[in-house]
Each structure stands twice: as structure tokens, then as C-alpha cells.
């Protein structure tokens, strides 16, 4: 397993670097977020041993089952929350994650601002934009994104670092990456979390600063029951 994960990481990093060069972007301009959701701690440790330090998890409880011990071994580990966050999990999220990528509604933004102030821990936040306006997906709608970003920054004083999106499965992702880039540009935001295993090279061409890659590194997603073993 360790050899496979290390080889997969090397392949993904090579493709990231090649895509950045092709887009005339600086080497190191793109951060690889290795998405370890549903994969066991042993897989994460294999990636850490291969030099990967930035990881993404969807669920607070799953992250708490895997990462505290790993942080003891690798204190420079950086953990992104990339899945929907319930307000009743905000305290744990602020305590255990380093970046929150899924700020998607006013109530959550207010809860995060309050908990960060209470805990004295200001985590970089990404506003999640539902670029496809899909009713089943979380994310602020593009038409109200500017107002929401301004409210998060000005009234709530959240440390908004950038934007994040997950394009609709059967639509051309470049259209959604271009939309997210434009919203970021007009709001003066430098970071764009967009692109996954199937489309991260396209996302890099459109300015992604963070790509979230899981399957191409760890293989097919495991069931949560299997991952917990």
C-alpha cells in the first residue's frame, strides 16, 4: 500500500507541476489537498511518509478518529474541512482543523465567527459557491455571493481566504471554474479551491490554488465501516 500511494502521489504532483507550467504559473503555486475521507489512518500515514502534508476530510467525526494521533507523529500536518459543516460541530471543527473550505450559509458563518473569537483561533475560510445552482448541493448561490462574502469579511470579520466549488457532475467544469475565478477576482480573493481527481488539470488552467484529489492518490473510496477498522 505504501508504495502504491507514494507512486500515485508522485504522478499527481508531476501532473500538477506540468499543468502549472503549461499555464505559465509558478512552480509551487498549487497546493495539493489529499482527500483522505473514508480511507484509514494507515493510508494517510503512507502519504505522510511520502512527503504529503495537506489533507482534506469531509466529516468532523471521521477526522477526529484519524488525525490527532497522526499529528503527534507529523506536527506540520495541515487539515482542511472540505465537507458540509453542521453548526453543532463548529466547536470541534475550529479546534481540530486548520482550514474550513465550506462556509456556505449565514448561520454557519456566524457560528464560526463566534467560536473563533471564543477560542482565539482564526482559521482561513473558503466560501463555498454552488456554481451549478444545484438544489441538492450546499453552497451560496452565485447571485448573492458578493453580498455574502462582504458580510463574512466586514460584519463577522471572518478570515476569508478564497472560494471553493464542486461543479455539477455532467457539466463542463471549465465553465464553473471560470465563474468561480470571476467572483474571486471582483472580490479581491487570491485562493481558489477547485478541481478533483477527474478535472484538477483543467482547474489549474483556470487559476486553482488548491486542488482536492482523493481517488487518484488513495484509490476507490472505501465504506465508512471499512475505513474505521
Protein backbone atom coordinates (compact mmCIF):
# COMPACT_ATOMS: atom_id res chain seq x y z
CA UNK A 1 0.00 0.00 0.00
CA UNK A 2 2.73 2.48 0.92
CA UNK A 3 4.50 2.02 -2.41
CA UNK A 4 1.27 2.44 -4.40
CA UNK A 5 0.26 5.62 -2.55
CA UNK A 6 3.77 7.07 -2.90
CA UNK A 7 3.76 6.33 -6.64
CA UNK A 8 0.28 7.82 -7.05
CA UNK A 9 1.35 10.96 -5.21
CA UNK A 10 4.40 11.33 -7.43
CA UNK A 11 2.20 11.02 -10.53
CA UNK A 12 -0.32 13.58 -9.30
CA UNK A 13 2.41 16.03 -8.26
CA UNK A 14 4.05 15.66 -11.67
CA UNK A 15 0.78 16.39 -13.44
CA UNK A 16 0.14 19.39 -11.19
CA UNK A 17 3.58 20.81 -11.98
CA UNK A 18 3.14 20.18 -15.71
CA UNK A 19 -0.27 21.86 -15.71
CA UNK A 20 1.10 24.85 -13.82
CA UNK A 21 3.98 25.22 -16.27
CA UNK A 22 1.61 24.96 -19.23
CA UNK A 23 -0.48 27.76 -17.70
CA UNK A 24 2.69 29.83 -17.17
CA UNK A 25 2.23 29.73 -13.43
CA UNK A 26 4.97 29.48 -10.86
CA UNK A 27 6.09 26.12 -9.55
CA UNK A 28 4.52 25.65 -6.15
CA UNK A 29 1.55 27.88 -6.95
CA UNK A 30 -0.87 24.98 -6.46
CA UNK A 31 -1.40 23.18 -3.15
CA UNK A 32 -2.36 19.52 -3.34
CA UNK A 33 -5.05 18.68 -0.78
CA UNK A 34 -5.02 14.88 -0.47
CA UNK A 35 -8.62 13.85 0.20
CA UNK A 36 -8.46 11.05 2.72
CA UNK A 37 -12.17 10.74 3.53
CA UNK A 38 -13.24 7.10 4.10
CA UNK A 39 -9.61 5.93 3.94
CA UNK A 40 -7.92 4.54 7.06
CA UNK A 41 -5.21 6.20 9.09
CA UNK A 42 -2.69 3.76 7.62
CA UNK A 43 -3.28 5.23 4.16
CA UNK A 44 -2.85 8.75 5.49
CA UNK A 45 0.37 7.72 7.23
CA UNK A 46 1.65 6.27 3.94
CA UNK A 47 1.00 9.59 2.23
CA UNK A 48 2.68 11.46 5.08
CA UNK A 49 5.70 9.21 4.78
CA UNK A 50 5.83 10.11 1.09
CA UNK A 51 6.01 13.81 1.99
CA UNK A 52 2.37 14.87 1.68
CA UNK A 53 1.29 17.26 4.43
CA UNK A 54 -2.06 18.78 3.40
CA UNK A 55 -5.18 16.63 3.72
CA UNK A 56 -8.93 17.07 3.29
CA UNK A 57 -11.69 15.40 5.27
CA UNK A 58 -15.46 15.63 4.81
CA UNK A 59 -16.66 14.75 8.29
CA UNK A 60 -15.53 16.13 11.63
CA UNK A 61 -16.02 12.86 13.49
CA UNK A 62 -14.10 10.82 10.93
CA UNK A 63 -11.21 13.28 11.10
CA UNK A 64 -11.17 13.10 14.90
CA UNK A 65 -10.85 9.32 14.70
CA UNK A 66 -7.75 9.52 12.50
CA UNK A 67 -5.78 12.73 12.79
CA UNK A 68 -4.98 13.54 16.45
CA UNK A 69 -2.56 10.60 16.67
CA UNK A 70 -1.10 11.39 13.24
CA UNK A 71 -0.46 14.99 14.32
CA UNK A 72 1.66 13.62 17.12
CA UNK A 73 3.89 11.95 14.55
CA UNK A 74 3.71 14.72 11.94
CA UNK A 75 3.15 18.07 13.69
CA UNK A 76 3.33 20.03 10.40
CA UNK A 77 0.24 18.27 9.06
CA UNK A 78 -2.43 20.66 7.72
CA UNK A 79 -6.08 19.56 7.74
CA UNK A 80 -8.82 21.09 5.57
CA UNK A 81 -12.52 20.54 6.19
CA UNK A 82 -13.99 20.06 2.71
CA UNK A 83 -17.43 18.67 3.55
CA UNK A 84 -20.62 20.29 4.84
CA UNK A 85 -20.33 21.56 8.40
CA UNK A 86 -23.23 21.41 10.82
CA UNK A 87 -23.39 24.25 13.32
CA UNK A 88 -23.32 21.79 16.23
CA UNK A 89 -19.88 20.62 15.04
CA UNK A 90 -18.36 24.09 14.78
CA UNK A 91 -16.53 23.96 18.11
CA UNK A 92 -14.81 20.68 17.21
CA UNK A 93 -14.06 21.87 13.68
CA UNK A 94 -12.36 25.04 14.89
CA UNK A 95 -10.35 23.08 17.45
CA UNK A 96 -9.11 20.33 15.14
CA UNK A 97 -8.98 21.66 11.56
CA UNK A 98 -6.62 24.24 10.10
CA UNK A 99 -8.74 25.47 7.18
CA UNK A 100 -12.54 25.49 6.68
CA UNK A 101 -13.40 25.27 2.97
CA UNK A 102 -17.18 25.02 3.19
CA UNK A 103 -18.63 28.23 4.59
CA UNK A 104 -21.96 28.10 2.78
CA UNK A 105 -24.64 29.97 4.72
CA UNK A 106 -25.04 32.93 7.09
CA UNK A 107 -25.86 30.86 10.19
CA UNK A 108 -22.68 28.82 9.79
CA UNK A 109 -20.58 31.93 9.17
CA UNK A 110 -21.92 33.50 12.37
CA UNK A 111 -21.25 30.33 14.36
CA UNK A 112 -17.70 30.10 13.04
CA UNK A 113 -17.00 33.76 13.79
CA UNK A 114 -18.27 33.35 17.34
CA UNK A 115 -16.29 30.18 18.01
CA UNK A 116 -13.08 31.56 16.51
CA UNK A 117 -13.38 34.61 18.75
CA UNK A 118 -14.06 32.43 21.79
CA UNK A 119 -11.23 30.01 21.05
CA UNK A 120 -8.75 32.65 19.90
CA UNK A 121 -8.10 30.59 16.78
CA UNK A 122 -8.63 32.24 13.40
CA UNK A 123 -8.76 29.65 10.64
CA UNK A 124 -8.58 30.63 6.96
CA UNK A 125 -12.02 30.16 5.43
CA UNK A 126 -13.21 29.50 1.90
CA UNK A 127 -16.71 30.45 0.81
CA UNK A 128 -18.35 27.52 -0.97
CA UNK A 129 -20.21 28.66 -4.09
CA UNK A 130 -22.86 26.44 -5.67
CA UNK A 131 -21.85 27.39 -9.20
CA UNK A 132 -24.33 24.98 -10.77
CA UNK A 133 -27.19 26.19 -8.56
CA UNK A 134 -27.98 22.55 -7.77
CA UNK A 135 -30.74 22.27 -5.15
CA UNK A 136 -29.25 19.13 -3.58
CA UNK A 137 -25.84 20.73 -3.02
CA UNK A 138 -24.64 23.10 -0.35
CA UNK A 139 -23.04 26.40 -1.24
CA UNK A 140 -24.04 30.02 -1.60
CA UNK A 141 -25.65 30.88 -4.94
CA UNK A 142 -23.53 32.93 -7.38
CA UNK A 143 -26.06 35.77 -7.49
CA UNK A 144 -25.70 36.50 -3.78
CA UNK A 145 -22.04 35.52 -3.38
CA UNK A 146 -20.70 39.09 -3.40
CA UNK A 147 -23.02 40.19 -0.59
CA UNK A 148 -22.28 37.06 1.45
CA UNK A 149 -18.51 37.47 1.06
CA UNK A 150 -18.77 41.11 2.14
CA UNK A 151 -20.87 40.21 5.17
CA UNK A 152 -18.43 37.48 6.23
CA UNK A 153 -15.46 39.82 5.95
CA UNK A 154 -16.90 43.14 7.10
CA UNK A 155 -19.50 42.34 9.73
CA UNK A 156 -18.28 38.98 11.01
CA UNK A 157 -14.56 39.59 10.49
CA UNK A 158 -14.06 36.06 9.23
CA UNK A 159 -10.62 35.43 7.69
CA UNK A 160 -11.94 34.72 4.18
CA UNK A 161 -9.05 33.40 2.08
CA UNK A 162 -10.85 32.38 -1.07
CA UNK A 163 -13.64 30.43 -2.75
CA UNK A 164 -14.42 26.75 -3.30
CA UNK A 165 -16.73 24.91 -5.69
CA UNK A 166 -17.77 21.42 -6.82
CA UNK A 167 -19.06 21.60 -10.43
CA UNK A 168 -22.08 19.53 -11.49
CA UNK A 169 -21.07 16.01 -12.41
CA UNK A 170 -22.21 16.06 -16.03
CA UNK A 171 -21.36 19.63 -16.99
CA UNK A 172 -18.18 21.08 -18.47
CA UNK A 173 -16.15 22.00 -15.36
CA UNK A 174 -14.26 24.84 -17.04
CA UNK A 175 -17.45 26.94 -17.13
CA UNK A 176 -17.76 26.63 -13.37
CA UNK A 177 -14.07 27.23 -12.74
CA UNK A 178 -14.26 30.41 -14.85
CA UNK A 179 -17.30 31.60 -12.88
CA UNK A 180 -15.59 30.98 -9.54
CA UNK A 181 -12.46 32.76 -10.75
CA UNK A 182 -14.50 35.80 -11.77
CA UNK A 183 -16.31 36.00 -8.41
CA UNK A 184 -12.94 35.78 -6.65
CA UNK A 185 -11.41 38.43 -8.91
CA UNK A 186 -14.07 41.03 -8.27
CA UNK A 187 -13.89 40.40 -4.52
CA UNK A 188 -10.10 40.53 -4.34
CA UNK A 189 -9.71 36.93 -3.18
CA UNK A 190 -6.49 35.14 -4.05
CA UNK A 191 -7.29 31.49 -3.32
CA UNK A 192 -9.43 29.11 -5.37
CA UNK A 193 -10.11 25.55 -4.20
CA UNK A 194 -11.40 23.78 -7.29
CA UNK A 195 -10.63 20.62 -9.21
CA UNK A 196 -10.70 16.99 -8.13
CA UNK A 197 -9.24 13.75 -9.46
CA UNK A 198 -11.03 13.96 -12.82
CA UNK A 199 -10.53 17.63 -13.60
CA UNK A 200 -7.75 19.16 -11.48
CA UNK A 201 -5.55 19.85 -14.51
CA UNK A 202 -8.35 21.91 -16.06
CA UNK A 203 -8.85 23.72 -12.75
CA UNK A 204 -5.17 24.67 -12.67
CA UNK A 205 -5.51 26.29 -16.09
CA UNK A 206 -8.30 28.42 -14.63
CA UNK A 207 -6.27 29.53 -11.61
CA UNK A 208 -6.85 26.92 -8.93
CA UNK A 209 -4.55 27.44 -5.96
CA UNK A 210 -5.80 24.29 -4.20
CA UNK A 211 -6.85 21.02 -5.84
CA UNK A 212 -8.66 18.32 -3.88
CA UNK A 213 -7.52 14.90 -5.07
CA UNK A 214 -8.55 11.64 -3.43
CA UNK A 215 -9.18 8.71 -5.77
CA UNK A 216 -6.06 9.33 -7.87
CA UNK A 217 -3.96 9.04 -4.69
CA UNK A 218 -5.74 6.59 -2.38
CA UNK A 219 -7.81 4.56 -4.84
CA UNK A 220 -11.55 3.96 -4.79
CA UNK A 221 -13.44 5.37 -1.85
CA UNK A 222 -13.95 2.89 0.97
CA UNK A 223 -17.09 2.40 3.01
CA UNK A 224 -17.02 4.17 6.36
CA UNK A 225 -17.34 0.82 8.12
CA UNK A 226 -14.23 -0.50 6.35
CA UNK A 227 -12.29 2.71 6.94
CA UNK A 228 -12.97 2.59 10.66
CA UNK A 229 -11.27 -0.77 11.04
